[in-house]
Amino acid sequence: AQNENSNNSIEQQENRVIVKKCIAGNCINGKGT
């Protein structure tokens, strides 16, 4: 996991995070942030 993450560019990192929070709208089905 450490080697895989260290080889990825910033372009690919949005899917490899644990911390996330819906801050507006509907982040399940609809439009949200």
PDB file of all heavy atoms in Angstrom:
ATOM      1  N   ALA A   1       0.828  -1.204   0.000  1.00  0.00           N
ATOM      2  CA  ALA A   1       0.000   0.000   0.000  1.00  0.00           C
ATOM      3  C   ALA A   1       0.859   1.248   0.000  1.00  0.00           C
ATOM      4  O   ALA A   1       0.572   2.213  -0.693  1.00  0.00           O
ATOM      5  CB  ALA A   1      -0.926  -0.008   1.215  1.00  0.00           C
ATOM      6  N   GLN A   2       1.958   1.256   0.754  1.00  0.00           N
ATOM      7  CA  GLN A   2       2.829   2.424   0.783  1.00  0.00           C
ATOM      8  C   GLN A   2       3.484   2.633  -0.573  1.00  0.00           C
ATOM      9  O   GLN A   2       3.540   3.749  -1.076  1.00  0.00           O
ATOM     10  CB  GLN A   2       3.902   2.252   1.866  1.00  0.00           C
ATOM     11  CG  GLN A   2       3.347   2.359   3.267  1.00  0.00           C
ATOM     12  CD  GLN A   2       4.364   1.983   4.320  1.00  0.00           C
ATOM     13  OE1 GLN A   2       5.366   1.348   4.032  1.00  0.00           O
ATOM     14  NE2 GLN A   2       4.095   2.372   5.551  1.00  0.00           N
ATOM     15  N   ASN A   3       3.966   1.582  -1.202  1.00  0.00           N
ATOM     16  CA  ASN A   3       4.601   1.704  -2.516  1.00  0.00           C
ATOM     17  C   ASN A   3       3.595   2.151  -3.567  1.00  0.00           C
ATOM     18  O   ASN A   3       3.892   2.976  -4.404  1.00  0.00           O
ATOM     19  CB  ASN A   3       5.236   0.380  -2.942  1.00  0.00           C
ATOM     20  CG  ASN A   3       6.467   0.063  -2.143  1.00  0.00           C
ATOM     21  OD1 ASN A   3       7.080   0.950  -1.562  1.00  0.00           O
ATOM     22  ND2 ASN A   3       6.820  -1.217  -2.082  1.00  0.00           N
ATOM     23  N   GLU A   4       2.403   1.600  -3.534  1.00  0.00           N
ATOM     24  CA  GLU A   4       1.374   1.949  -4.510  1.00  0.00           C
ATOM     25  C   GLU A   4       1.012   3.422  -4.392  1.00  0.00           C
ATOM     26  O   GLU A   4       0.937   4.131  -5.375  1.00  0.00           O
ATOM     27  CB  GLU A   4       0.137   1.086  -4.274  1.00  0.00           C
ATOM     28  CG  GLU A   4      -0.955   1.305  -5.285  1.00  0.00           C
ATOM     29  CD  GLU A   4      -2.127   0.398  -5.027  1.00  0.00           C
ATOM     30  OE1 GLU A   4      -1.915  -0.811  -4.866  1.00  0.00           O
ATOM     31  OE2 GLU A   4      -3.252   0.907  -4.985  1.00  0.00           O
ATOM     32  N   ASN A   5       0.799   3.915  -3.195  1.00  0.00           N
ATOM     33  CA  ASN A   5       0.429   5.312  -2.996  1.00  0.00           C
ATOM     34  C   ASN A   5       1.564   6.260  -3.330  1.00  0.00           C
ATOM     35  O   ASN A   5       1.336   7.344  -3.837  1.00  0.00           O
ATOM     36  CB  ASN A   5      -0.043   5.556  -1.564  1.00  0.00           C
ATOM     37  CG  ASN A   5      -1.408   4.959  -1.308  1.00  0.00           C
ATOM     38  OD1 ASN A   5      -2.176   4.782  -2.239  1.00  0.00           O
ATOM     39  ND2 ASN A   5      -1.688   4.639  -0.074  1.00  0.00           N
ATOM     40  N   SER A   6       2.793   5.874  -3.071  1.00  0.00           N
ATOM     41  CA  SER A   6       3.907   6.782  -3.334  1.00  0.00           C
ATOM     42  C   SER A   6       4.158   6.956  -4.830  1.00  0.00           C
ATOM     43  O   SER A   6       4.732   7.948  -5.253  1.00  0.00           O
ATOM     44  CB  SER A   6       5.182   6.279  -2.649  1.00  0.00           C
ATOM     45  OG  SER A   6       5.590   5.053  -3.210  1.00  0.00           O
ATOM     46  N   ASN A   7       3.707   6.022  -5.662  1.00  0.00           N
ATOM     47  CA  ASN A   7       3.917   6.109  -7.105  1.00  0.00           C
ATOM     48  C   ASN A   7       2.797   6.835  -7.835  1.00  0.00           C
ATOM     49  O   ASN A   7       2.886   7.062  -9.022  1.00  0.00           O
ATOM     50  CB  ASN A   7       4.072   4.700  -7.697  1.00  0.00           C
ATOM     51  CG  ASN A   7       5.347   4.046  -7.254  1.00  0.00           C
ATOM     52  OD1 ASN A   7       6.325   4.727  -6.948  1.00  0.00           O
ATOM     53  ND2 ASN A   7       5.351   2.733  -7.177  1.00  0.00           N
ATOM     54  N   ASN A   8       1.717   7.189  -7.152  1.00  0.00           N
ATOM     55  CA  ASN A   8       0.578   7.830  -7.819  1.00  0.00           C
ATOM     56  C   ASN A   8       0.735   9.337  -7.833  1.00  0.00           C
ATOM     57  O   ASN A   8       1.197   9.940  -6.891  1.00  0.00           O
ATOM     58  CB  ASN A   8      -0.722   7.460  -7.118  1.00  0.00           C
ATOM     59  CG  ASN A   8      -1.078   6.015  -7.347  1.00  0.00           C
ATOM     60  OD1 ASN A   8      -0.894   5.510  -8.440  1.00  0.00           O
ATOM     61  ND2 ASN A   8      -1.571   5.354  -6.332  1.00  0.00           N
ATOM     62  N   SER A   9       0.292   9.951  -8.918  1.00  0.00           N
ATOM     63  CA  SER A   9       0.327  11.401  -9.022  1.00  0.00           C
ATOM     64  C   SER A   9      -0.841  11.996  -8.260  1.00  0.00           C
ATOM     65  O   SER A   9      -1.775  11.308  -7.870  1.00  0.00           O
ATOM     66  CB  SER A   9       0.237  11.824 -10.495  1.00  0.00           C
ATOM     67  OG  SER A   9      -1.042  11.536 -10.994  1.00  0.00           O
ATOM     68  N   ILE A  10      -0.796  13.296  -8.041  1.00  0.00           N
ATOM     69  CA  ILE A  10      -1.885  14.003  -7.367  1.00  0.00           C
ATOM     70  C   ILE A  10      -3.190  13.810  -8.129  1.00  0.00           C
ATOM     71  O   ILE A  10      -4.263  13.752  -7.540  1.00  0.00           O
ATOM     72  CB  ILE A  10      -1.551  15.499  -7.173  1.00  0.00           C
ATOM     73  CG1 ILE A  10      -2.548  16.168  -6.213  1.00  0.00           C
ATOM     74  CG2 ILE A  10      -1.542  16.239  -8.487  1.00  0.00           C
ATOM     75  CD1 ILE A  10      -2.331  15.818  -4.791  1.00  0.00           C
ATOM     76  N   GLU A  11      -3.095  13.635  -9.434  1.00  0.00           N
ATOM     77  CA  GLU A  11      -4.280  13.437 -10.273  1.00  0.00           C
ATOM     78  C   GLU A  11      -5.065  12.204  -9.848  1.00  0.00           C
ATOM     79  O   GLU A  11      -6.272  12.145  -9.999  1.00  0.00           O
ATOM     80  CB  GLU A  11      -3.836  13.296 -11.732  1.00  0.00           C
ATOM     81  CG  GLU A  11      -4.947  13.083 -12.715  1.00  0.00           C
ATOM     82  CD  GLU A  11      -4.436  12.906 -14.121  1.00  0.00           C
ATOM     83  OE1 GLU A  11      -3.220  12.974 -14.349  1.00  0.00           O
ATOM     84  OE2 GLU A  11      -5.258  12.696 -15.016  1.00  0.00           O
ATOM     85  N   GLN A  12      -4.400  11.204  -9.299  1.00  0.00           N
ATOM     86  CA  GLN A  12      -5.055   9.954  -8.952  1.00  0.00           C
ATOM     87  C   GLN A  12      -5.374   9.831  -7.464  1.00  0.00           C
ATOM     88  O   GLN A  12      -5.946   8.856  -7.047  1.00  0.00           O
ATOM     89  CB  GLN A  12      -4.170   8.788  -9.370  1.00  0.00           C
ATOM     90  CG  GLN A  12      -3.949   8.756 -10.867  1.00  0.00           C
ATOM     91  CD  GLN A  12      -2.881   7.766 -11.266  1.00  0.00           C
ATOM     92  OE1 GLN A  12      -1.980   7.475 -10.501  1.00  0.00           O
ATOM     93  NE2 GLN A  12      -2.977   7.257 -12.468  1.00  0.00           N
ATOM     94  N   GLN A  13      -5.031  10.810  -6.655  1.00  0.00           N
ATOM     95  CA  GLN A  13      -5.144  10.657  -5.213  1.00  0.00           C
ATOM     96  C   GLN A  13      -6.533  10.872  -4.647  1.00  0.00           C
ATOM     97  O   GLN A  13      -6.775  10.475  -3.522  1.00  0.00           O
ATOM     98  CB  GLN A  13      -4.165  11.597  -4.499  1.00  0.00           C
ATOM     99  CG  GLN A  13      -2.741  11.152  -4.645  1.00  0.00           C
ATOM    100  CD  GLN A  13      -1.793  12.081  -3.930  1.00  0.00           C
ATOM    101  OE1 GLN A  13      -2.205  13.009  -3.262  1.00  0.00           O
ATOM    102  NE2 GLN A  13      -0.516  11.828  -4.078  1.00  0.00           N
ATOM    103  N   GLU A  14      -7.472  11.458  -5.355  1.00  0.00           N
ATOM    104  CA  GLU A  14      -8.761  11.746  -4.745  1.00  0.00           C
ATOM    105  C   GLU A  14      -9.499  10.490  -4.314  1.00  0.00           C
ATOM    106  O   GLU A  14     -10.303  10.525  -3.410  1.00  0.00           O
ATOM    107  CB  GLU A  14      -9.634  12.632  -5.635  1.00  0.00           C
ATOM    108  CG  GLU A  14     -10.428  11.915  -6.703  1.00  0.00           C
ATOM    109  CD  GLU A  14      -9.668  11.717  -7.990  1.00  0.00           C
ATOM    110  OE1 GLU A  14      -8.478  12.063  -8.057  1.00  0.00           O
ATOM    111  OE2 GLU A  14     -10.256  11.215  -8.955  1.00  0.00           O
ATOM    112  N   ASN A  15      -9.229   9.347  -4.919  1.00  0.00           N
ATOM    113  CA  ASN A  15      -9.904   8.100  -4.546  1.00  0.00           C
ATOM    114  C   ASN A  15      -9.202   7.365  -3.409  1.00  0.00           C
ATOM    115  O   ASN A  15      -9.720   6.387  -2.907  1.00  0.00           O
ATOM    116  CB  ASN A  15      -9.989   7.160  -5.756  1.00  0.00           C
ATOM    117  CG  ASN A  15     -10.988   7.655  -6.760  1.00  0.00           C
ATOM    118  OD1 ASN A  15     -11.979   8.251  -6.400  1.00  0.00           O
ATOM    119  ND2 ASN A  15     -10.711   7.415  -8.029  1.00  0.00           N
ATOM    120  N   ARG A  16      -8.027   7.790  -3.008  1.00  0.00           N
ATOM    121  CA  ARG A  16      -7.241   7.065  -2.036  1.00  0.00           C
ATOM    122  C   ARG A  16      -7.238   7.732  -0.663  1.00  0.00           C
ATOM    123  O   ARG A  16      -6.251   7.668   0.041  1.00  0.00           O
ATOM    124  CB  ARG A  16      -5.821   6.921  -2.535  1.00  0.00           C
ATOM    125  CG  ARG A  16      -5.755   6.060  -3.794  1.00  0.00           C
ATOM    126  CD  ARG A  16      -4.362   5.759  -4.169  1.00  0.00           C
ATOM    127  NE  ARG A  16      -4.073   4.908  -5.251  1.00  0.00           N
ATOM    128  CZ  ARG A  16      -4.784   4.569  -6.287  1.00  0.00           C
ATOM    129  NH1 ARG A  16      -5.979   5.010  -6.433  1.00  0.00           N
ATOM    130  NH2 ARG A  16      -4.340   3.789  -7.225  1.00  0.00           N
ATOM    131  N   VAL A  17      -8.308   8.371  -0.292  1.00  0.00           N
ATOM    132  CA  VAL A  17      -8.372   9.044   0.994  1.00  0.00           C
ATOM    133  C   VAL A  17      -9.490   8.458   1.840  1.00  0.00           C
ATOM    134  O   VAL A  17     -10.453   7.926   1.324  1.00  0.00           O
ATOM    135  CB  VAL A  17      -8.573  10.570   0.833  1.00  0.00           C
ATOM    136  CG1 VAL A  17      -7.396  11.201   0.142  1.00  0.00           C
ATOM    137  CG2 VAL A  17      -9.846  10.884   0.101  1.00  0.00           C
ATOM    138  N   ILE A  18      -9.317   8.583   3.129  1.00  0.00           N
ATOM    139  CA  ILE A  18     -10.313   8.082   4.048  1.00  0.00           C
ATOM    140  C   ILE A  18     -11.199   9.226   4.540  1.00  0.00           C
ATOM    141  O   ILE A  18     -12.386   9.064   4.728  1.00  0.00           O
ATOM    142  CB  ILE A  18      -9.631   7.366   5.224  1.00  0.00           C
ATOM    143  CG1 ILE A  18      -8.874   6.146   4.706  1.00  0.00           C
ATOM    144  CG2 ILE A  18     -10.645   6.948   6.277  1.00  0.00           C
ATOM    145  CD1 ILE A  18      -7.955   5.501   5.689  1.00  0.00           C
ATOM    146  N   VAL A  19     -10.603  10.401   4.735  1.00  0.00           N
ATOM    147  CA  VAL A  19     -11.318  11.531   5.289  1.00  0.00           C
ATOM    148  C   VAL A  19     -12.146  12.216   4.202  1.00  0.00           C
ATOM    149  O   VAL A  19     -11.604  12.685   3.218  1.00  0.00           O
ATOM    150  CB  VAL A  19     -10.334  12.550   5.907  1.00  0.00           C
ATOM    151  CG1 VAL A  19     -11.080  13.744   6.465  1.00  0.00           C
ATOM    152  CG2 VAL A  19      -9.487  11.888   6.964  1.00  0.00           C
ATOM    153  N   LYS A  20     -13.471  12.213   4.389  1.00  0.00           N
ATOM    154  CA  LYS A  20     -14.346  12.929   3.475  1.00  0.00           C
ATOM    155  C   LYS A  20     -15.616  13.304   4.232  1.00  0.00           C
ATOM    156  O   LYS A  20     -16.034  12.617   5.157  1.00  0.00           O
ATOM    157  CB  LYS A  20     -14.642  12.131   2.216  1.00  0.00           C
ATOM    158  CG  LYS A  20     -15.345  10.812   2.414  1.00  0.00           C
ATOM    159  CD  LYS A  20     -15.502  10.106   1.079  1.00  0.00           C
ATOM    160  CE  LYS A  20     -16.345   8.850   1.251  1.00  0.00           C
ATOM    161  NZ  LYS A  20     -16.570   8.189  -0.024  1.00  0.00           N
ATOM    162  N   LYS A  21     -16.227  14.421   3.786  1.00  0.00           N
ATOM    163  CA  LYS A  21     -17.417  14.922   4.470  1.00  0.00           C
ATOM    164  C   LYS A  21     -18.280  15.682   3.467  1.00  0.00           C
ATOM    165  O   LYS A  21     -17.791  16.575   2.770  1.00  0.00           O
ATOM    166  CB  LYS A  21     -17.006  15.845   5.608  1.00  0.00           C
ATOM    167  CG  LYS A  21     -18.170  16.427   6.369  1.00  0.00           C
ATOM    168  CD  LYS A  21     -17.677  17.353   7.468  1.00  0.00           C
ATOM    169  CE  LYS A  21     -18.880  17.966   8.165  1.00  0.00           C
ATOM    170  NZ  LYS A  21     -18.479  18.942   9.151  1.00  0.00           N
ATOM    171  N   CYS A  22     -19.569  15.335   3.415  1.00  0.00           N
ATOM    172  CA  CYS A  22     -20.501  16.058   2.555  1.00  0.00           C
ATOM    173  C   CYS A  22     -20.765  17.416   3.202  1.00  0.00           C
ATOM    174  O   CYS A  22     -21.230  17.486   4.340  1.00  0.00           O
ATOM    175  CB  CYS A  22     -21.801  15.281   2.392  1.00  0.00           C
ATOM    176  SG  CYS A  22     -22.917  16.023   1.179  1.00  0.00           S
ATOM    177  N   ILE A  23     -20.424  18.500   2.492  1.00  0.00           N
ATOM    178  CA  ILE A  23     -20.564  19.834   3.087  1.00  0.00           C
ATOM    179  C   ILE A  23     -21.729  20.628   2.495  1.00  0.00           C
ATOM    180  O   ILE A  23     -22.055  21.690   3.012  1.00  0.00           O
ATOM    181  CB  ILE A  23     -19.246  20.641   2.985  1.00  0.00           C
ATOM    182  CG1 ILE A  23     -18.767  20.772   1.546  1.00  0.00           C
ATOM    183  CG2 ILE A  23     -18.174  20.001   3.854  1.00  0.00           C
ATOM    184  CD1 ILE A  23     -17.535  21.641   1.366  1.00  0.00           C
ATOM    185  N   ALA A  24     -22.365  20.116   1.436  1.00  0.00           N
ATOM    186  CA  ALA A  24     -23.527  20.806   0.863  1.00  0.00           C
ATOM    187  C   ALA A  24     -24.286  19.857  -0.048  1.00  0.00           C
ATOM    188  O   ALA A  24     -23.693  19.021  -0.725  1.00  0.00           O
ATOM    189  CB  ALA A  24     -23.096  22.039   0.077  1.00  0.00           C
ATOM    190  N   GLY A  25     -25.594  20.006  -0.066  1.00  0.00           N
ATOM    191  CA  GLY A  25     -26.419  19.261  -1.007  1.00  0.00           C
ATOM    192  C   GLY A  25     -26.552  17.796  -0.673  1.00  0.00           C
ATOM    193  O   GLY A  25     -26.418  17.373   0.470  1.00  0.00           O
ATOM    194  N   ASN A  26     -26.777  17.002  -1.736  1.00  0.00           N
ATOM    195  CA  ASN A  26     -27.013  15.572  -1.602  1.00  0.00           C
ATOM    196  C   ASN A  26     -25.837  14.812  -2.218  1.00  0.00           C
ATOM    197  O   ASN A  26     -25.702  14.749  -3.435  1.00  0.00           O
ATOM    198  CB  ASN A  26     -28.323  15.211  -2.312  1.00  0.00           C
ATOM    199  CG  ASN A  26     -28.687  13.763  -2.173  1.00  0.00           C
ATOM    200  OD1 ASN A  26     -27.871  12.920  -1.828  1.00  0.00           O
ATOM    201  ND2 ASN A  26     -29.944  13.447  -2.464  1.00  0.00           N
ATOM    202  N   CYS A  27     -24.997  14.221  -1.388  1.00  0.00           N
ATOM    203  CA  CYS A  27     -23.813  13.488  -1.856  1.00  0.00           C
ATOM    204  C   CYS A  27     -24.091  11.993  -1.992  1.00  0.00           C
ATOM    205  O   CYS A  27     -23.152  11.193  -2.066  1.00  0.00           O
ATOM    206  CB  CYS A  27     -22.650  13.728  -0.911  1.00  0.00           C
ATOM    207  SG  CYS A  27     -22.150  15.463  -0.805  1.00  0.00           S
ATOM    208  N   ILE A  28     -25.354  11.621  -2.025  1.00  0.00           N
ATOM    209  CA  ILE A  28     -25.733  10.223  -2.256  1.00  0.00           C
ATOM    210  C   ILE A  28     -26.351  10.098  -3.647  1.00  0.00           C
ATOM    211  O   ILE A  28     -25.829   9.395  -4.501  1.00  0.00           O
ATOM    212  CB  ILE A  28     -26.727   9.718  -1.177  1.00  0.00           C
ATOM    213  CG1 ILE A  28     -26.126   9.858   0.226  1.00  0.00           C
ATOM    214  CG2 ILE A  28     -27.128   8.269  -1.458  1.00  0.00           C
ATOM    215  CD1 ILE A  28     -24.891   9.017   0.483  1.00  0.00           C
ATOM    216  N   ASN A  29     -27.438  10.779  -3.878  1.00  0.00           N
ATOM    217  CA  ASN A  29     -28.126  10.783  -5.178  1.00  0.00           C
ATOM    218  C   ASN A  29     -28.605  12.195  -5.455  1.00  0.00           C
ATOM    219  O   ASN A  29     -29.604  12.635  -4.893  1.00  0.00           O
ATOM    220  CB  ASN A  29     -29.324   9.822  -5.175  1.00  0.00           C
ATOM    221  CG  ASN A  29     -28.901   8.373  -5.195  1.00  0.00           C
ATOM    222  OD1 ASN A  29     -28.170   7.952  -6.078  1.00  0.00           O
ATOM    223  ND2 ASN A  29     -29.354   7.625  -4.212  1.00  0.00           N
ATOM    224  N   GLY A  30     -27.899  12.920  -6.280  1.00  0.00           N
ATOM    225  CA  GLY A  30     -28.276  14.300  -6.580  1.00  0.00           C
ATOM    226  C   GLY A  30     -27.042  15.143  -6.815  1.00  0.00           C
ATOM    227  O   GLY A  30     -26.025  14.658  -7.292  1.00  0.00           O
ATOM    228  N   LYS A  31     -27.137  16.407  -6.439  1.00  0.00           N
ATOM    229  CA  LYS A  31     -26.017  17.330  -6.612  1.00  0.00           C
ATOM    230  C   LYS A  31     -25.541  17.744  -5.223  1.00  0.00           C
ATOM    231  O   LYS A  31     -26.332  18.155  -4.383  1.00  0.00           O
ATOM    232  CB  LYS A  31     -26.447  18.562  -7.415  1.00  0.00           C
ATOM    233  CG  LYS A  31     -25.285  19.467  -7.754  1.00  0.00           C
ATOM    234  CD  LYS A  31     -25.700  20.585  -8.696  1.00  0.00           C
ATOM    235  CE  LYS A  31     -24.456  21.401  -9.050  1.00  0.00           C
ATOM    236  NZ  LYS A  31     -24.788  22.495  -9.947  1.00  0.00           N
ATOM    237  N   GLY A  32     -24.218  17.615  -5.016  1.00  0.00           N
ATOM    238  CA  GLY A  32     -23.681  17.939  -3.710  1.00  0.00           C
ATOM    239  C   GLY A  32     -22.203  18.255  -3.770  1.00  0.00           C
ATOM    240  O   GLY A  32     -21.547  18.095  -4.796  1.00  0.00           O
ATOM    241  N   THR A  33     -21.680  18.701  -2.628  1.00  0.00           N
ATOM    242  CA  THR A  33     -20.265  19.060  -2.501  1.00  0.00           C
ATOM    243  C   THR A  33     -19.648  18.228  -1.393  1.00  0.00           C
ATOM    244  O   THR A  33     -20.152  18.211  -0.267  1.00  0.00           O
ATOM    245  CB  THR A  33     -20.118  20.555  -2.175  1.00  0.00           C
ATOM    246  OG1 THR A  33     -20.780  21.316  -3.195  1.00  0.00           O
ATOM    247  CG2 THR A  33     -18.659  20.960  -2.114  1.00  0.00           C
TER     248      THR A  33
END
